[in-house]
Amino acid sequence: MRTRITLLVLALLLMAVPASAQQLFDFLGQTVVPGNVGGMLNMDSIMRDPAPGTTPIPLDFANYEYTLVVMNLTLDSGDGTSASPQNYSGGMLVIYEDNGTAADYANPATFHDGTAILIGNLTTLNRTMFTATLGSAAGWVDWTGGTRLDDIAPVDQLGWPFLTGISARDTNVEPGYTEQWDGKCEPEEPIVDTEDISWGSVKAMLR
């Protein structure tokens, strides 16, 4: 009897072990940065398969294009110069899934079509330039909607780090934009899929 109980405990522990691969939404995009307080920051980006990592929810990169956009992030302080960090708040982050028109920086609307699978609030963001052309930004995302929101447990929907490197070099920036952003949005802890299992199935595993 003691052996069966020990095996049961071990089986339950094994089912609870999370995957070890890094989970992230990986993106490369173009950003419009405001120069004055009260202005809006907007970003259009194309998501990439993060292999050997994984996306936090399953995505079909073979048959769909995924875009990640930031909209209406308000500049609260800073003037956009290399010597002045900027603080933002109140923006929205949306991930779209589309099997139609390919995203094209010459036509920003192509980043906003398709199905909004995840919608979140980009609650705060700090942008810092280390030189005239290189910098970074960091913020926080709370997921609030989208057709795939239920794929993320409520306890895992809040407080996702949003991190990006910044390049303002002319060779990296598309016409109509200010900077290139190359970054990721990721959960603080890996998201683990849950699977219902009956008591009979557990006992069958131990026979």
Protein backbone atom coordinates (compact mmCIF):
# COMPACT_ATOMS: atom_id res chain seq x y z
CA MET A 1 0.00 0.00 0.00
CA ARG A 2 2.83 2.39 0.90
CA THR A 3 4.41 1.74 -2.51
CA ARG A 4 1.16 2.60 -4.34
CA ILE A 5 0.79 5.85 -2.38
CA THR A 6 4.41 6.79 -3.11
CA LEU A 7 3.94 6.12 -6.81
CA LEU A 8 0.75 8.19 -6.82
CA VAL A 9 2.52 11.15 -5.26
CA LEU A 10 5.35 10.86 -7.78
CA ALA A 11 2.90 10.70 -10.69
CA LEU A 12 1.08 13.83 -9.52
CA LEU A 13 4.38 15.67 -9.11
CA LEU A 14 5.48 14.70 -12.61
CA MET A 15 2.21 15.99 -14.09
CA ALA A 16 2.83 19.34 -12.41
CA VAL A 17 6.32 19.89 -13.83
CA PRO A 18 6.28 22.91 -16.23
CA ALA A 19 7.95 23.01 -19.62
CA SER A 20 11.46 24.42 -19.53
CA ALA A 21 11.48 26.21 -22.92
CA GLN A 22 11.42 30.00 -22.78
CA GLN A 23 8.01 31.45 -23.62
CA LEU A 24 7.73 34.79 -25.41
CA PHE A 25 6.04 36.80 -28.15
CA ASP A 26 8.99 37.90 -30.31
CA PHE A 27 8.55 40.96 -32.56
CA LEU A 28 10.43 43.28 -34.91
CA GLY A 29 8.74 46.52 -35.84
CA GLN A 30 8.65 50.23 -36.56
CA THR A 31 7.62 52.94 -34.10
CA VAL A 32 6.43 56.53 -34.27
CA VAL A 33 7.75 58.40 -31.21
CA PRO A 34 6.25 61.76 -30.13
CA GLY A 35 8.48 64.72 -29.37
CA ASN A 36 6.23 66.44 -26.84
CA VAL A 37 4.29 65.56 -23.69
CA GLY A 38 0.75 64.47 -24.51
CA GLY A 39 1.76 62.97 -27.84
CA MET A 40 1.07 59.36 -28.79
CA LEU A 41 3.52 56.52 -29.43
CA ASN A 42 2.42 53.86 -31.92
CA MET A 43 4.21 50.73 -33.12
CA ASP A 44 3.56 48.27 -35.95
CA SER A 45 5.47 44.99 -35.83
CA ILE A 46 5.63 41.50 -37.26
CA MET A 47 5.88 38.61 -34.83
CA ARG A 48 8.44 35.86 -35.35
CA ASP A 49 8.59 32.21 -34.37
CA PRO A 50 10.80 32.32 -31.24
CA ALA A 51 12.31 28.84 -31.78
CA PRO A 52 14.00 27.23 -29.91
CA GLY A 53 11.70 29.00 -27.46
CA THR A 54 7.91 28.80 -27.71
CA THR A 55 5.03 31.24 -27.76
CA PRO A 56 3.00 31.42 -24.52
CA ILE A 57 -0.05 30.16 -26.43
CA PRO A 58 0.16 27.93 -29.53
CA LEU A 59 0.39 29.92 -32.80
CA ASP A 60 0.33 28.64 -36.39
CA PHE A 61 3.17 30.52 -38.11
CA ALA A 62 3.02 28.19 -41.12
CA ASN A 63 -0.46 29.32 -42.14
CA TYR A 64 -0.96 32.73 -40.51
CA GLU A 65 0.88 36.01 -40.12
CA TYR A 66 0.91 37.52 -36.64
CA THR A 67 1.33 41.23 -36.01
CA LEU A 68 1.80 42.98 -32.68
CA VAL A 69 0.78 46.63 -32.50
CA VAL A 70 1.00 49.29 -29.82
CA MET A 71 -1.56 52.08 -30.00
CA ASN A 72 -2.10 55.43 -28.29
CA LEU A 73 0.62 55.17 -25.65
CA THR A 74 0.62 58.65 -24.12
CA LEU A 75 3.87 60.49 -23.36
CA ASP A 76 3.63 61.71 -19.74
CA SER A 77 7.15 63.14 -19.32
CA GLY A 78 10.33 63.67 -21.36
CA ASP A 79 10.93 65.38 -24.67
CA GLY A 80 12.38 62.60 -26.82
CA THR A 81 16.02 63.71 -26.74
CA SER A 82 18.85 61.30 -25.94
CA ALA A 83 19.39 63.01 -22.58
CA SER A 84 15.77 62.79 -21.46
CA PRO A 85 14.08 59.45 -20.64
CA GLN A 86 10.43 59.26 -21.60
CA ASN A 87 7.63 57.87 -19.45
CA TYR A 88 4.41 56.65 -21.06
CA SER A 89 1.07 55.25 -19.90
CA GLY A 90 -2.41 54.32 -21.06
CA GLY A 91 -1.63 52.46 -24.28
CA MET A 92 -3.08 49.33 -25.86
CA LEU A 93 -1.24 46.28 -27.21
CA VAL A 94 -3.00 43.99 -29.70
CA ILE A 95 -1.87 40.76 -31.38
CA TYR A 96 -3.58 40.05 -34.71
CA GLU A 97 -3.79 36.76 -36.62
CA ASP A 98 -4.27 37.06 -40.39
CA ASN A 99 -4.06 34.66 -43.34
CA GLY A 100 -4.76 37.37 -45.93
CA THR A 101 -2.94 40.60 -46.74
CA ALA A 102 0.74 40.57 -45.79
CA ALA A 103 1.83 43.34 -43.43
CA ASP A 104 3.46 46.24 -45.28
CA TYR A 105 5.04 49.28 -43.59
CA ALA A 106 3.99 51.40 -46.57
CA ASN A 107 0.39 50.59 -45.59
CA PRO A 108 0.10 50.54 -41.76
CA ALA A 109 -3.52 49.37 -41.92
CA THR A 110 -2.24 45.92 -42.96
CA PHE A 111 -0.89 45.45 -39.44
CA HIS A 112 -4.32 46.00 -37.90
CA ASP A 113 -6.45 43.60 -39.97
CA GLY A 114 -7.22 40.01 -39.12
CA THR A 115 -8.50 38.61 -35.84
CA ALA A 116 -7.52 40.26 -32.56
CA ILE A 117 -6.46 37.18 -30.61
CA LEU A 118 -5.04 39.06 -27.61
CA ILE A 119 -5.77 42.60 -26.41
CA GLY A 120 -3.97 44.16 -23.48
CA ASN A 121 -3.34 47.39 -21.63
CA LEU A 122 0.24 48.63 -21.86
CA THR A 123 -0.04 50.25 -18.46
CA THR A 124 3.37 51.93 -18.26
CA LEU A 125 6.49 52.15 -20.41
CA ASN A 126 9.88 53.81 -19.93
CA ARG A 127 11.96 54.65 -23.02
CA THR A 128 15.63 55.56 -22.63
CA MET A 129 18.16 56.47 -25.34
CA PHE A 130 21.81 55.76 -24.49
CA THR A 131 23.08 57.46 -27.66
CA ALA A 132 21.39 59.39 -30.44
CA THR A 133 20.53 56.12 -32.20
CA LEU A 134 20.53 53.32 -29.59
CA GLY A 135 18.28 52.74 -26.61
CA SER A 136 15.77 50.49 -24.89
CA ALA A 137 12.25 50.50 -23.52
CA ALA A 138 10.52 48.48 -20.81
CA GLY A 139 6.90 48.31 -19.73
CA TRP A 140 4.10 46.12 -18.40
CA VAL A 141 1.11 44.50 -20.12
CA ASP A 142 -2.18 43.29 -18.62
CA TRP A 143 -4.20 41.08 -20.99
CA THR A 144 -7.90 41.97 -21.02
CA GLY A 145 -9.48 40.57 -24.19
CA GLY A 146 -9.19 38.85 -27.55
CA THR A 147 -10.41 35.55 -28.96
CA ARG A 148 -7.56 33.63 -27.29
CA LEU A 149 -7.67 35.30 -23.87
CA ASP A 150 -9.14 32.17 -22.28
CA ASP A 151 -6.01 30.26 -23.33
CA ILE A 152 -4.27 32.14 -20.52
CA ALA A 153 -5.43 31.45 -16.96
CA PRO A 154 -6.73 34.57 -15.15
CA VAL A 155 -3.86 34.38 -12.66
CA ASP A 156 -1.39 34.57 -15.59
CA GLN A 157 -3.01 37.47 -17.48
CA LEU A 158 -1.47 40.37 -15.55
CA GLY A 159 2.00 41.89 -15.32
CA TRP A 160 3.75 40.67 -18.48
CA PRO A 161 7.12 42.40 -19.10
CA PHE A 162 7.39 44.23 -22.44
CA LEU A 163 11.06 44.70 -23.37
CA THR A 164 12.70 46.05 -26.51
CA GLY A 165 15.92 47.33 -27.96
CA ILE A 166 15.75 50.54 -30.01
CA SER A 167 17.59 51.61 -33.13
CA ALA A 168 17.11 55.03 -34.72
CA ARG A 169 19.70 54.48 -37.46
CA ASP A 170 18.43 55.59 -40.85
CA THR A 171 19.27 52.21 -42.37
CA ASN A 172 16.89 50.47 -39.92
CA VAL A 173 13.93 52.86 -40.00
CA GLU A 174 11.15 52.69 -42.58
CA PRO A 175 9.73 55.90 -44.13
CA GLY A 176 7.08 57.46 -41.90
CA TYR A 177 8.49 55.96 -38.71
CA THR A 178 10.96 57.17 -36.07
CA GLU A 179 12.64 54.02 -34.72
CA GLN A 180 13.02 50.28 -35.14
CA TRP A 181 12.00 48.20 -32.10
CA ASP A 182 13.22 44.62 -31.67
CA GLY A 183 11.77 43.03 -28.57
CA LYS A 184 9.53 40.61 -26.75
CA CYS A 185 6.53 40.33 -24.46
CA GLU A 186 6.66 37.40 -22.07
CA PRO A 187 5.01 35.97 -18.95
CA GLU A 188 6.92 36.29 -15.70
CA GLU A 189 6.50 32.54 -15.21
CA PRO A 190 5.96 29.89 -17.92
CA ILE A 191 2.32 29.18 -18.71
CA VAL A 192 1.52 25.50 -18.17
CA ASP A 193 -1.35 23.83 -20.02
CA THR A 194 -3.79 22.06 -17.72
CA GLU A 195 -5.30 18.69 -18.54
CA ASP A 196 -8.22 17.06 -16.72
CA ILE A 197 -7.57 13.46 -15.69
CA SER A 198 -9.92 11.05 -13.97
CA TRP A 199 -9.10 9.14 -10.79
CA GLY A 200 -9.49 5.94 -12.78
CA SER A 201 -6.84 7.11 -15.23
CA VAL A 202 -4.47 7.87 -12.37
CA LYS A 203 -4.97 4.39 -10.94
CA ALA A 204 -4.44 2.85 -14.37
CA MET A 205 -1.08 4.63 -14.63
CA LEU A 206 0.04 2.92 -11.41
CA ARG A 207 -0.89 -0.63 -12.33
